[in-house]
Amino acid sequence: EGLYETMGRFCGYLSKLKTPADPLQPRSKRELVCDAHFETPVDRVFSAFRDPVQLAAWWGPEGFTNTFHLFEFVEGGKWTLTMHGPDGRDYPNELSFVEIYPPYRLVIEHPTSPHFIAEFDLVPLDQGTRLVMHQVFDSDDECQRIAEYAGNGNSEMFERLRALLKT
């Protein structure tokens, strides 16, 4: 498959995400999905992923801070960080960048428990950007266990991103 075919399929996929009011449904029972609309151009939203200083400021639920130890923003690159919870607990994380397609798509893998793949699609809109996140786990049970706290955490994370983009 050539570049034009790949781009055609990708544009077809993006066109399905074009309307911010479209309700999102998980593609399987192993998946969490979350989206948000930002009144900011897609390039600016993507830069908040690409720049470790900006990413550290909004990554994670409300009340969390981050210390980045390694941040290699290239396909196959590693990202290690410690998330510091509001309760004083530390949460070490190791991730890898699986796919980077600026400024429209980013896929990361969290290889340790709980293992998941997170896909971030950034869709340009007339009035900003729609960000859609699909988080795919290894099993239905694992997904349900994580959903008990991650759903609100993902929404809070997107609100933190919104606040950063307004600065």
C-alpha atoms as a PDB file:
ATOM      1  CA  GLU A   1       0.000   0.000   0.000  1.00  0.00           C
ATOM      2  CA  GLY A   2       1.391   3.383  -0.975  1.00  0.00           C
ATOM      3  CA  LEU A   3       1.319   6.734   0.744  1.00  0.00           C
ATOM      4  CA  TYR A   4      -1.750   7.960  -1.143  1.00  0.00           C
ATOM      5  CA  GLU A   5      -3.776   4.873  -0.238  1.00  0.00           C
ATOM      6  CA  THR A   6      -2.754   5.144   3.405  1.00  0.00           C
ATOM      7  CA  MET A   7      -3.592   8.845   3.516  1.00  0.00           C
ATOM      8  CA  GLY A   8      -6.931   8.158   1.832  1.00  0.00           C
ATOM      9  CA  ARG A   9      -7.865   5.589   4.466  1.00  0.00           C
ATOM     10  CA  PHE A  10      -6.718   7.924   7.241  1.00  0.00           C
ATOM     11  CA  CYS A  11      -8.733  10.863   5.869  1.00  0.00           C
ATOM     12  CA  GLY A  12     -11.774   8.603   5.637  1.00  0.00           C
ATOM     13  CA  TYR A  13     -11.309   7.672   9.277  1.00  0.00           C
ATOM     14  CA  LEU A  14     -10.950  11.311  10.320  1.00  0.00           C
ATOM     15  CA  SER A  15     -14.075  12.322   8.436  1.00  0.00           C
ATOM     16  CA  LYS A  16     -16.067   9.939  10.626  1.00  0.00           C
ATOM     17  CA  LEU A  17     -14.854  11.862  13.687  1.00  0.00           C
ATOM     18  CA  LYS A  18     -15.613  15.311  12.248  1.00  0.00           C
ATOM     19  CA  THR A  19     -18.712  16.189  14.276  1.00  0.00           C
ATOM     20  CA  PRO A  20     -17.996  17.075  17.920  1.00  0.00           C
ATOM     21  CA  ALA A  21     -21.496  16.047  18.997  1.00  0.00           C
ATOM     22  CA  ASP A  22     -21.145  12.480  17.696  1.00  0.00           C
ATOM     23  CA  PRO A  23     -21.502  10.106  20.652  1.00  0.00           C
ATOM     24  CA  LEU A  24     -18.479   7.864  21.015  1.00  0.00           C
ATOM     25  CA  GLN A  25     -18.809   4.202  21.766  1.00  0.00           C
ATOM     26  CA  PRO A  26     -16.017   1.799  22.674  1.00  0.00           C
ATOM     27  CA  ARG A  27     -15.107  -0.530  19.809  1.00  0.00           C
ATOM     28  CA  SER A  28     -14.984  -3.457  22.254  1.00  0.00           C
ATOM     29  CA  LYS A  29     -15.427  -4.291  25.933  1.00  0.00           C
ATOM     30  CA  ARG A  30     -11.648  -3.975  26.327  1.00  0.00           C
ATOM     31  CA  GLU A  31     -11.690  -0.274  25.491  1.00  0.00           C
ATOM     32  CA  LEU A  32     -12.251   3.058  27.212  1.00  0.00           C
ATOM     33  CA  VAL A  33     -12.989   6.062  25.029  1.00  0.00           C
ATOM     34  CA  CYS A  34     -12.932   9.754  25.864  1.00  0.00           C
ATOM     35  CA  ASP A  35     -13.086  12.894  23.752  1.00  0.00           C
ATOM     36  CA  ALA A  36     -12.976  16.640  24.094  1.00  0.00           C
ATOM     37  CA  HIS A  37     -13.340  19.707  21.892  1.00  0.00           C
ATOM     38  CA  PHE A  38     -10.763  22.477  22.153  1.00  0.00           C
ATOM     39  CA  GLU A  39     -11.155  25.926  20.620  1.00  0.00           C
ATOM     40  CA  THR A  40      -7.528  25.723  19.585  1.00  0.00           C
ATOM     41  CA  PRO A  41      -5.904  24.772  16.254  1.00  0.00           C
ATOM     42  CA  VAL A  42      -4.767  21.171  15.890  1.00  0.00           C
ATOM     43  CA  ASP A  43      -1.072  22.143  15.681  1.00  0.00           C
ATOM     44  CA  ARG A  44      -1.264  23.838  19.081  1.00  0.00           C
ATOM     45  CA  VAL A  45      -3.020  20.858  20.681  1.00  0.00           C
ATOM     46  CA  PHE A  46      -0.416  18.474  19.235  1.00  0.00           C
ATOM     47  CA  SER A  47       2.402  20.661  20.564  1.00  0.00           C
ATOM     48  CA  ALA A  48       1.055  20.035  24.080  1.00  0.00           C
ATOM     49  CA  PHE A  49       1.874  16.339  23.504  1.00  0.00           C
ATOM     50  CA  ARG A  50       5.229  16.910  21.785  1.00  0.00           C
ATOM     51  CA  ASP A  51       6.701  19.341  24.343  1.00  0.00           C
ATOM     52  CA  PRO A  52       7.617  17.562  27.607  1.00  0.00           C
ATOM     53  CA  VAL A  53       7.246  20.744  29.683  1.00  0.00           C
ATOM     54  CA  GLN A  54       3.674  21.251  28.469  1.00  0.00           C
ATOM     55  CA  LEU A  55       2.846  17.536  28.696  1.00  0.00           C
ATOM     56  CA  ALA A  56       4.081  17.327  32.284  1.00  0.00           C
ATOM     57  CA  ALA A  57       1.774  20.223  33.180  1.00  0.00           C
ATOM     58  CA  TRP A  58      -1.449  18.480  32.122  1.00  0.00           C
ATOM     59  CA  TRP A  59      -0.838  14.718  32.008  1.00  0.00           C
ATOM     60  CA  GLY A  60      -2.917  12.802  34.535  1.00  0.00           C
ATOM     61  CA  PRO A  61      -5.946  13.529  36.719  1.00  0.00           C
ATOM     62  CA  GLU A  62      -6.536  16.699  38.724  1.00  0.00           C
ATOM     63  CA  GLY A  63      -4.090  17.050  41.603  1.00  0.00           C
ATOM     64  CA  PHE A  64      -1.314  14.972  40.000  1.00  0.00           C
ATOM     65  CA  THR A  65       2.126  16.293  39.114  1.00  0.00           C
ATOM     66  CA  ASN A  66       4.745  14.614  36.951  1.00  0.00           C
ATOM     67  CA  THR A  67       8.477  14.112  36.887  1.00  0.00           C
ATOM     68  CA  PHE A  68       9.781  13.062  33.473  1.00  0.00           C
ATOM     69  CA  HIS A  69      12.946  10.962  33.510  1.00  0.00           C
ATOM     70  CA  LEU A  70      13.201  10.189  29.782  1.00  0.00           C
ATOM     71  CA  PHE A  71      11.185  11.600  26.881  1.00  0.00           C
ATOM     72  CA  GLU A  72      12.144  10.432  23.372  1.00  0.00           C
ATOM     73  CA  PHE A  73       9.354  11.768  21.147  1.00  0.00           C
ATOM     74  CA  VAL A  74      10.053   9.574  18.108  1.00  0.00           C
ATOM     75  CA  GLU A  75       8.432   6.346  16.951  1.00  0.00           C
ATOM     76  CA  GLY A  76       9.962   3.607  19.089  1.00  0.00           C
ATOM     77  CA  GLY A  77      11.101   6.194  21.638  1.00  0.00           C
ATOM     78  CA  LYS A  78      10.725   5.673  25.366  1.00  0.00           C
ATOM     79  CA  TRP A  79       8.944   7.820  27.898  1.00  0.00           C
ATOM     80  CA  THR A  80       9.496   7.213  31.606  1.00  0.00           C
ATOM     81  CA  LEU A  81       7.861   9.328  34.253  1.00  0.00           C
ATOM     82  CA  THR A  82       6.672   9.313  37.812  1.00  0.00           C
ATOM     83  CA  MET A  83       3.159  10.561  38.459  1.00  0.00           C
ATOM     84  CA  HIS A  84       2.863  12.063  41.937  1.00  0.00           C
ATOM     85  CA  GLY A  85      -0.630  11.674  43.363  1.00  0.00           C
ATOM     86  CA  PRO A  86      -2.341  14.216  45.602  1.00  0.00           C
ATOM     87  CA  ASP A  87      -2.222  11.585  48.366  1.00  0.00           C
ATOM     88  CA  GLY A  88       1.600  11.612  48.274  1.00  0.00           C
ATOM     89  CA  ARG A  89       1.900   8.272  46.458  1.00  0.00           C
ATOM     90  CA  ASP A  90       4.204   7.938  43.471  1.00  0.00           C
ATOM     91  CA  TYR A  91       3.203   6.034  40.342  1.00  0.00           C
ATOM     92  CA  PRO A  92       6.159   5.110  38.107  1.00  0.00           C
ATOM     93  CA  ASN A  93       5.241   4.680  34.432  1.00  0.00           C
ATOM     94  CA  GLU A  94       7.102   3.364  31.414  1.00  0.00           C
ATOM     95  CA  LEU A  95       5.655   4.015  27.983  1.00  0.00           C
ATOM     96  CA  SER A  96       6.772   3.869  24.382  1.00  0.00           C
ATOM     97  CA  PHE A  97       5.765   5.878  21.334  1.00  0.00           C
ATOM     98  CA  VAL A  98       4.310   3.418  18.835  1.00  0.00           C
ATOM     99  CA  GLU A  99       3.078   5.834  16.189  1.00  0.00           C
ATOM    100  CA  ILE A 100       3.513   9.581  15.700  1.00  0.00           C
ATOM    101  CA  TYR A 101       1.752  11.303  12.824  1.00  0.00           C
ATOM    102  CA  PRO A 102       1.990  15.071  13.480  1.00  0.00           C
ATOM    103  CA  PRO A 103      -0.304  16.819  14.136  1.00  0.00           C
ATOM    104  CA  TYR A 104      -3.110  14.272  13.792  1.00  0.00           C
ATOM    105  CA  ARG A 105      -2.287  11.050  15.612  1.00  0.00           C
ATOM    106  CA  LEU A 106      -0.239   9.661  18.470  1.00  0.00           C
ATOM    107  CA  VAL A 107      -0.209   6.079  19.758  1.00  0.00           C
ATOM    108  CA  ILE A 108       1.535   5.102  22.979  1.00  0.00           C
ATOM    109  CA  GLU A 109       1.947   1.758  24.708  1.00  0.00           C
ATOM    110  CA  HIS A 110       2.055   1.167  28.447  1.00  0.00           C
ATOM    111  CA  PRO A 111       3.828  -2.234  28.447  1.00  0.00           C
ATOM    112  CA  THR A 112       3.730  -2.864  32.197  1.00  0.00           C
ATOM    113  CA  SER A 113       0.660  -3.754  34.222  1.00  0.00           C
ATOM    114  CA  PRO A 114      -1.925  -2.708  33.349  1.00  0.00           C
ATOM    115  CA  HIS A 115      -0.848  -3.133  29.737  1.00  0.00           C
ATOM    116  CA  PHE A 116      -2.689  -0.875  27.300  1.00  0.00           C
ATOM    117  CA  ILE A 117      -2.414   0.955  24.013  1.00  0.00           C
ATOM    118  CA  ALA A 118      -3.659   4.557  23.948  1.00  0.00           C
ATOM    119  CA  GLU A 119      -4.570   6.112  20.605  1.00  0.00           C
ATOM    120  CA  PHE A 120      -4.963   9.890  20.417  1.00  0.00           C
ATOM    121  CA  ASP A 121      -6.595  11.252  17.260  1.00  0.00           C
ATOM    122  CA  LEU A 122      -6.674  15.014  16.731  1.00  0.00           C
ATOM    123  CA  VAL A 123      -9.313  16.112  14.257  1.00  0.00           C
ATOM    124  CA  PRO A 124      -9.225  19.650  12.860  1.00  0.00           C
ATOM    125  CA  LEU A 125     -12.598  21.373  13.056  1.00  0.00           C
ATOM    126  CA  ASP A 126     -13.792  24.754  11.821  1.00  0.00           C
ATOM    127  CA  GLN A 127     -13.796  25.952  15.424  1.00  0.00           C
ATOM    128  CA  GLY A 128     -10.774  24.145  16.867  1.00  0.00           C
ATOM    129  CA  THR A 129      -9.818  20.527  17.428  1.00  0.00           C
ATOM    130  CA  ARG A 130     -11.555  17.359  18.520  1.00  0.00           C
ATOM    131  CA  LEU A 131      -9.303  15.042  20.543  1.00  0.00           C
ATOM    132  CA  VAL A 132     -10.408  11.410  20.735  1.00  0.00           C
ATOM    133  CA  MET A 133      -8.635   8.893  22.968  1.00  0.00           C
ATOM    134  CA  HIS A 134      -9.116   5.129  22.697  1.00  0.00           C
ATOM    135  CA  GLN A 135      -7.469   3.161  25.507  1.00  0.00           C
ATOM    136  CA  VAL A 136      -7.339  -0.586  24.717  1.00  0.00           C
ATOM    137  CA  PHE A 137      -6.564  -3.153  27.434  1.00  0.00           C
ATOM    138  CA  ASP A 138      -5.676  -6.852  27.223  1.00  0.00           C
ATOM    139  CA  SER A 139      -8.977  -8.083  28.670  1.00  0.00           C
ATOM    140  CA  ASP A 140     -12.543  -7.026  29.426  1.00  0.00           C
ATOM    141  CA  ASP A 141     -11.904  -7.540  33.160  1.00  0.00           C
ATOM    142  CA  GLU A 142      -8.797  -5.353  33.152  1.00  0.00           C
ATOM    143  CA  CYS A 143     -10.661  -2.631  31.285  1.00  0.00           C
ATOM    144  CA  GLN A 144     -13.559  -2.689  33.745  1.00  0.00           C
ATOM    145  CA  ARG A 145     -11.191  -2.555  36.718  1.00  0.00           C
ATOM    146  CA  ILE A 146      -9.407   0.488  35.290  1.00  0.00           C
ATOM    147  CA  ALA A 147     -12.685   2.130  34.221  1.00  0.00           C
ATOM    148  CA  GLU A 148     -13.657   2.528  37.878  1.00  0.00           C
ATOM    149  CA  TYR A 149     -11.178   5.393  38.204  1.00  0.00           C
ATOM    150  CA  ALA A 150      -9.767   6.154  34.739  1.00  0.00           C
ATOM    151  CA  GLY A 151     -12.970   7.517  33.216  1.00  0.00           C
ATOM    152  CA  ASN A 152     -13.038  10.541  35.494  1.00  0.00           C
ATOM    153  CA  GLY A 153      -9.260  10.746  35.429  1.00  0.00           C
ATOM    154  CA  ASN A 154      -9.191  10.943  31.634  1.00  0.00           C
ATOM    155  CA  SER A 155     -11.829  13.678  31.629  1.00  0.00           C
ATOM    156  CA  GLU A 156      -9.912  15.587  34.300  1.00  0.00           C
ATOM    157  CA  MET A 157      -6.740  15.231  32.238  1.00  0.00           C
ATOM    158  CA  PHE A 158      -8.465  16.754  29.202  1.00  0.00           C
ATOM    159  CA  GLU A 159      -9.693  19.638  31.388  1.00  0.00           C
ATOM    160  CA  ARG A 160      -6.115  20.235  32.511  1.00  0.00           C
ATOM    161  CA  LEU A 161      -5.097  20.291  28.844  1.00  0.00           C
ATOM    162  CA  ARG A 162      -7.887  22.782  28.118  1.00  0.00           C
ATOM    163  CA  ALA A 163      -6.582  25.088  30.868  1.00  0.00           C
ATOM    164  CA  LEU A 164      -3.036  24.864  29.506  1.00  0.00           C
ATOM    165  CA  LEU A 165      -4.183  25.673  25.965  1.00  0.00           C
ATOM    166  CA  LYS A 166      -5.872  28.852  27.218  1.00  0.00           C
ATOM    167  CA  THR A 167      -2.564  30.231  28.516  1.00  0.00           C
END
